[in-house]
């Protein structure tokens, strides 16, 4: 069991290092387009990896932009010869089910409705409302007939909600 564990750790370290290298490379290209690189995941086998790239911008990212980014990133990987030839890149938005985690996430979603689970004075609360502001230290949510400023440290989980008309 010991040798297998060491092998797994070595492989996990390689993947982590590869992920960081690819993230840094992609981030330089994507940020020049005023688009946020949210995350990348490396899935699949080592011979045929799938690089899942999650990007977003205020108002949401379009399919056409994802396609354009995918082609550009593939060309970059081919030029740098980081993965060889047996890989695939999937570029998409992070999706509505991805929790909002920081000021950039909230700022990107101004005007949208969000459900926030938070801790305040030792109590867990749930708040649903519209994101009005995303400042450096807090997010402002309009709910019912009032607004609340919630510090990011108090947010346990925040998810975009679809408002049915």
C-alpha atoms as a PDB file:
ATOM      1  CA  UNK A   1       0.000   0.000   0.000  1.00  0.00           C
ATOM      2  CA  UNK A   2       2.873   2.400   0.784  1.00  0.00           C
ATOM      3  CA  UNK A   3       4.384   2.517  -2.749  1.00  0.00           C
ATOM      4  CA  UNK A   4       0.966   3.131  -4.292  1.00  0.00           C
ATOM      5  CA  UNK A   5       0.346   6.028  -1.927  1.00  0.00           C
ATOM      6  CA  UNK A   6       3.711   7.570  -2.840  1.00  0.00           C
ATOM      7  CA  UNK A   7       2.962   7.132  -6.552  1.00  0.00           C
ATOM      8  CA  UNK A   8      -0.430   8.810  -6.128  1.00  0.00           C
ATOM      9  CA  UNK A   9       1.092  11.733  -4.261  1.00  0.00           C
ATOM     10  CA  UNK A  10       3.731  12.165  -6.976  1.00  0.00           C
ATOM     11  CA  UNK A  11       1.036  12.092  -9.682  1.00  0.00           C
ATOM     12  CA  UNK A  12      -1.162  14.483  -7.725  1.00  0.00           C
ATOM     13  CA  UNK A  13       1.808  16.844  -7.349  1.00  0.00           C
ATOM     14  CA  UNK A  14       2.459  16.691 -11.105  1.00  0.00           C
ATOM     15  CA  UNK A  15      -1.174  17.500 -11.871  1.00  0.00           C
ATOM     16  CA  UNK A  16      -1.187  20.355  -9.356  1.00  0.00           C
ATOM     17  CA  UNK A  17       2.021  21.781 -10.842  1.00  0.00           C
ATOM     18  CA  UNK A  18       0.657  21.385 -14.380  1.00  0.00           C
ATOM     19  CA  UNK A  19      -2.605  23.066 -13.377  1.00  0.00           C
ATOM     20  CA  UNK A  20      -0.719  26.047 -11.926  1.00  0.00           C
ATOM     21  CA  UNK A  21       1.452  26.338 -15.033  1.00  0.00           C
ATOM     22  CA  UNK A  22      -1.557  26.214 -17.383  1.00  0.00           C
ATOM     23  CA  UNK A  23      -3.595  28.574 -15.183  1.00  0.00           C
ATOM     24  CA  UNK A  24      -0.815  31.185 -15.206  1.00  0.00           C
ATOM     25  CA  UNK A  25      -0.358  30.840 -18.956  1.00  0.00           C
ATOM     26  CA  UNK A  26      -4.098  31.102 -19.679  1.00  0.00           C
ATOM     27  CA  UNK A  27      -4.671  33.914 -17.190  1.00  0.00           C
ATOM     28  CA  UNK A  28      -2.270  36.209 -19.050  1.00  0.00           C
ATOM     29  CA  UNK A  29      -4.160  35.687 -22.315  1.00  0.00           C
ATOM     30  CA  UNK A  30      -7.686  35.817 -20.885  1.00  0.00           C
ATOM     31  CA  UNK A  31      -7.198  38.806 -18.570  1.00  0.00           C
ATOM     32  CA  UNK A  32      -6.002  40.872 -21.554  1.00  0.00           C
ATOM     33  CA  UNK A  33      -9.544  40.467 -22.922  1.00  0.00           C
ATOM     34  CA  UNK A  34     -11.106  41.842 -19.704  1.00  0.00           C
ATOM     35  CA  UNK A  35     -12.498  38.382 -19.025  1.00  0.00           C
ATOM     36  CA  UNK A  36     -12.006  36.609 -15.688  1.00  0.00           C
ATOM     37  CA  UNK A  37     -10.411  33.185 -15.563  1.00  0.00           C
ATOM     38  CA  UNK A  38     -12.379  31.608 -12.730  1.00  0.00           C
ATOM     39  CA  UNK A  39     -10.773  28.184 -12.572  1.00  0.00           C
ATOM     40  CA  UNK A  40      -9.371  25.298 -14.575  1.00  0.00           C
ATOM     41  CA  UNK A  41      -9.736  21.584 -13.955  1.00  0.00           C
ATOM     42  CA  UNK A  42      -7.717  18.796 -15.494  1.00  0.00           C
ATOM     43  CA  UNK A  43      -9.805  15.671 -15.997  1.00  0.00           C
ATOM     44  CA  UNK A  44      -9.457  12.430 -17.896  1.00  0.00           C
ATOM     45  CA  UNK A  45      -6.356  10.309 -18.312  1.00  0.00           C
ATOM     46  CA  UNK A  46      -2.760  11.510 -18.390  1.00  0.00           C
ATOM     47  CA  UNK A  47      -2.546  10.479 -22.067  1.00  0.00           C
ATOM     48  CA  UNK A  48      -5.784  12.245 -23.075  1.00  0.00           C
ATOM     49  CA  UNK A  49      -6.469  15.013 -20.560  1.00  0.00           C
ATOM     50  CA  UNK A  50      -9.442  17.328 -20.765  1.00  0.00           C
ATOM     51  CA  UNK A  51      -8.684  20.889 -19.685  1.00  0.00           C
ATOM     52  CA  UNK A  52     -11.920  22.465 -18.413  1.00  0.00           C
ATOM     53  CA  UNK A  53     -11.576  26.256 -18.412  1.00  0.00           C
ATOM     54  CA  UNK A  54     -14.172  28.378 -16.601  1.00  0.00           C
ATOM     55  CA  UNK A  55     -14.402  32.031 -17.636  1.00  0.00           C
ATOM     56  CA  UNK A  56     -16.840  34.855 -16.992  1.00  0.00           C
ATOM     57  CA  UNK A  57     -17.388  38.559 -17.516  1.00  0.00           C
ATOM     58  CA  UNK A  58     -19.965  41.088 -16.341  1.00  0.00           C
ATOM     59  CA  UNK A  59     -23.315  40.185 -17.863  1.00  0.00           C
ATOM     60  CA  UNK A  60     -22.194  36.621 -18.608  1.00  0.00           C
ATOM     61  CA  UNK A  61     -19.918  35.113 -21.234  1.00  0.00           C
ATOM     62  CA  UNK A  62     -21.255  34.182 -24.685  1.00  0.00           C
ATOM     63  CA  UNK A  63     -20.771  30.891 -26.505  1.00  0.00           C
ATOM     64  CA  UNK A  64     -18.982  32.720 -29.311  1.00  0.00           C
ATOM     65  CA  UNK A  65     -16.433  34.165 -26.871  1.00  0.00           C
ATOM     66  CA  UNK A  66     -15.915  30.735 -25.295  1.00  0.00           C
ATOM     67  CA  UNK A  67     -15.273  29.267 -28.758  1.00  0.00           C
ATOM     68  CA  UNK A  68     -12.829  32.031 -29.624  1.00  0.00           C
ATOM     69  CA  UNK A  69     -10.973  31.625 -26.314  1.00  0.00           C
ATOM     70  CA  UNK A  70     -10.840  27.855 -26.757  1.00  0.00           C
ATOM     71  CA  UNK A  71      -9.174  28.186 -30.166  1.00  0.00           C
ATOM     72  CA  UNK A  72      -6.672  30.720 -28.865  1.00  0.00           C
ATOM     73  CA  UNK A  73      -5.773  28.608 -25.825  1.00  0.00           C
ATOM     74  CA  UNK A  74      -5.390  25.487 -27.950  1.00  0.00           C
ATOM     75  CA  UNK A  75      -3.011  27.337 -30.272  1.00  0.00           C
ATOM     76  CA  UNK A  76      -1.030  28.538 -27.251  1.00  0.00           C
ATOM     77  CA  UNK A  77      -0.746  25.024 -25.786  1.00  0.00           C
ATOM     78  CA  UNK A  78       0.341  23.670 -29.174  1.00  0.00           C
ATOM     79  CA  UNK A  79       3.030  26.359 -29.496  1.00  0.00           C
ATOM     80  CA  UNK A  80       4.336  25.728 -25.960  1.00  0.00           C
ATOM     81  CA  UNK A  81       4.016  21.919 -26.411  1.00  0.00           C
ATOM     82  CA  UNK A  82       2.970  21.488 -22.787  1.00  0.00           C
ATOM     83  CA  UNK A  83       0.597  18.533 -23.230  1.00  0.00           C
ATOM     84  CA  UNK A  84       1.566  16.946 -26.525  1.00  0.00           C
ATOM     85  CA  UNK A  85      -1.278  16.237 -28.928  1.00  0.00           C
ATOM     86  CA  UNK A  86      -3.839  14.119 -27.069  1.00  0.00           C
ATOM     87  CA  UNK A  87      -5.682  16.761 -25.076  1.00  0.00           C
ATOM     88  CA  UNK A  88      -8.992  18.614 -25.365  1.00  0.00           C
ATOM     89  CA  UNK A  89      -9.969  22.061 -24.089  1.00  0.00           C
ATOM     90  CA  UNK A  90     -13.517  22.853 -22.942  1.00  0.00           C
ATOM     91  CA  UNK A  91     -14.211  26.541 -22.235  1.00  0.00           C
ATOM     92  CA  UNK A  92     -17.470  27.506 -20.524  1.00  0.00           C
ATOM     93  CA  UNK A  93     -19.030  29.771 -17.938  1.00  0.00           C
ATOM     94  CA  UNK A  94     -18.841  28.550 -14.343  1.00  0.00           C
ATOM     95  CA  UNK A  95     -22.630  28.036 -14.341  1.00  0.00           C
ATOM     96  CA  UNK A  96     -25.389  29.243 -12.035  1.00  0.00           C
ATOM     97  CA  UNK A  97     -24.750  26.535  -9.459  1.00  0.00           C
ATOM     98  CA  UNK A  98     -21.229  27.765  -8.697  1.00  0.00           C
ATOM     99  CA  UNK A  99     -21.128  29.567  -5.339  1.00  0.00           C
ATOM    100  CA  UNK A 100     -20.087  33.223  -5.298  1.00  0.00           C
ATOM    101  CA  UNK A 101     -16.929  33.454  -3.222  1.00  0.00           C
ATOM    102  CA  UNK A 102     -15.385  36.907  -3.433  1.00  0.00           C
ATOM    103  CA  UNK A 103     -15.875  40.547  -4.394  1.00  0.00           C
ATOM    104  CA  UNK A 104     -15.235  39.882  -8.104  1.00  0.00           C
ATOM    105  CA  UNK A 105     -17.906  37.158  -8.150  1.00  0.00           C
ATOM    106  CA  UNK A 106     -20.494  39.473  -6.595  1.00  0.00           C
ATOM    107  CA  UNK A 107     -19.478  42.415  -8.822  1.00  0.00           C
ATOM    108  CA  UNK A 108     -19.878  40.268 -11.922  1.00  0.00           C
ATOM    109  CA  UNK A 109     -23.430  39.495 -10.834  1.00  0.00           C
ATOM    110  CA  UNK A 110     -24.731  42.969  -9.938  1.00  0.00           C
ATOM    111  CA  UNK A 111     -28.490  43.163 -10.407  1.00  0.00           C
ATOM    112  CA  UNK A 112     -28.975  39.404 -10.060  1.00  0.00           C
ATOM    113  CA  UNK A 113     -30.815  37.698  -7.239  1.00  0.00           C
ATOM    114  CA  UNK A 114     -28.830  35.696  -4.735  1.00  0.00           C
ATOM    115  CA  UNK A 115     -29.510  33.487  -1.736  1.00  0.00           C
ATOM    116  CA  UNK A 116     -26.896  33.978   0.962  1.00  0.00           C
ATOM    117  CA  UNK A 117     -26.321  31.781   3.981  1.00  0.00           C
ATOM    118  CA  UNK A 118     -24.414  33.809   6.549  1.00  0.00           C
ATOM    119  CA  UNK A 119     -23.306  33.896  10.128  1.00  0.00           C
ATOM    120  CA  UNK A 120     -24.186  36.976  12.157  1.00  0.00           C
ATOM    121  CA  UNK A 121     -23.764  37.320  15.922  1.00  0.00           C
ATOM    122  CA  UNK A 122     -23.194  33.553  16.159  1.00  0.00           C
ATOM    123  CA  UNK A 123     -26.449  32.746  14.363  1.00  0.00           C
ATOM    124  CA  UNK A 124     -26.915  31.294  10.900  1.00  0.00           C
ATOM    125  CA  UNK A 125     -29.225  33.361   8.704  1.00  0.00           C
ATOM    126  CA  UNK A 126     -30.547  33.091   5.176  1.00  0.00           C
ATOM    127  CA  UNK A 127     -31.120  36.157   3.030  1.00  0.00           C
ATOM    128  CA  UNK A 128     -32.469  36.358  -0.523  1.00  0.00           C
ATOM    129  CA  UNK A 129     -32.322  39.550  -2.516  1.00  0.00           C
ATOM    130  CA  UNK A 130     -30.762  41.554  -5.330  1.00  0.00           C
ATOM    131  CA  UNK A 131     -27.045  42.323  -5.426  1.00  0.00           C
ATOM    132  CA  UNK A 132     -26.817  46.131  -5.449  1.00  0.00           C
ATOM    133  CA  UNK A 133     -23.134  46.772  -4.655  1.00  0.00           C
ATOM    134  CA  UNK A 134     -19.957  44.743  -4.336  1.00  0.00           C
ATOM    135  CA  UNK A 135     -17.438  46.799  -2.408  1.00  0.00           C
ATOM    136  CA  UNK A 136     -14.002  45.625  -1.291  1.00  0.00           C
ATOM    137  CA  UNK A 137     -15.165  44.629   2.219  1.00  0.00           C
ATOM    138  CA  UNK A 138     -18.886  43.901   1.788  1.00  0.00           C
ATOM    139  CA  UNK A 139     -21.734  43.134  -0.580  1.00  0.00           C
ATOM    140  CA  UNK A 140     -24.984  45.110  -0.414  1.00  0.00           C
ATOM    141  CA  UNK A 141     -28.175  43.119  -0.887  1.00  0.00           C
ATOM    142  CA  UNK A 142     -31.629  44.678  -1.372  1.00  0.00           C
ATOM    143  CA  UNK A 143     -34.299  42.446   0.133  1.00  0.00           C
ATOM    144  CA  UNK A 144     -37.910  43.216   0.844  1.00  0.00           C
ATOM    145  CA  UNK A 145     -37.919  46.994   1.435  1.00  0.00           C
ATOM    146  CA  UNK A 146     -34.456  47.306   2.929  1.00  0.00           C
ATOM    147  CA  UNK A 147     -30.791  46.862   2.116  1.00  0.00           C
ATOM    148  CA  UNK A 148     -28.157  44.971   4.080  1.00  0.00           C
ATOM    149  CA  UNK A 149     -24.397  45.223   3.903  1.00  0.00           C
ATOM    150  CA  UNK A 150     -22.811  41.816   4.455  1.00  0.00           C
ATOM    151  CA  UNK A 151     -19.097  41.382   5.009  1.00  0.00           C
ATOM    152  CA  UNK A 152     -17.615  38.659   2.794  1.00  0.00           C
ATOM    153  CA  UNK A 153     -16.184  36.894   5.859  1.00  0.00           C
ATOM    154  CA  UNK A 154     -19.740  36.358   7.153  1.00  0.00           C
ATOM    155  CA  UNK A 155     -20.907  34.635   3.938  1.00  0.00           C
ATOM    156  CA  UNK A 156     -20.965  30.852   4.284  1.00  0.00           C
ATOM    157  CA  UNK A 157     -22.534  30.225   0.865  1.00  0.00           C
ATOM    158  CA  UNK A 158     -24.030  32.420  -1.843  1.00  0.00           C
ATOM    159  CA  UNK A 159     -25.874  31.104  -4.900  1.00  0.00           C
ATOM    160  CA  UNK A 160     -27.483  32.938  -7.794  1.00  0.00           C
ATOM    161  CA  UNK A 161     -31.238  32.500  -7.904  1.00  0.00           C
ATOM    162  CA  UNK A 162     -33.436  32.522 -10.962  1.00  0.00           C
ATOM    163  CA  UNK A 163     -36.269  35.004 -10.543  1.00  0.00           C
ATOM    164  CA  UNK A 164     -39.451  33.780 -12.187  1.00  0.00           C
ATOM    165  CA  UNK A 165     -41.721  36.493 -13.506  1.00  0.00           C
END
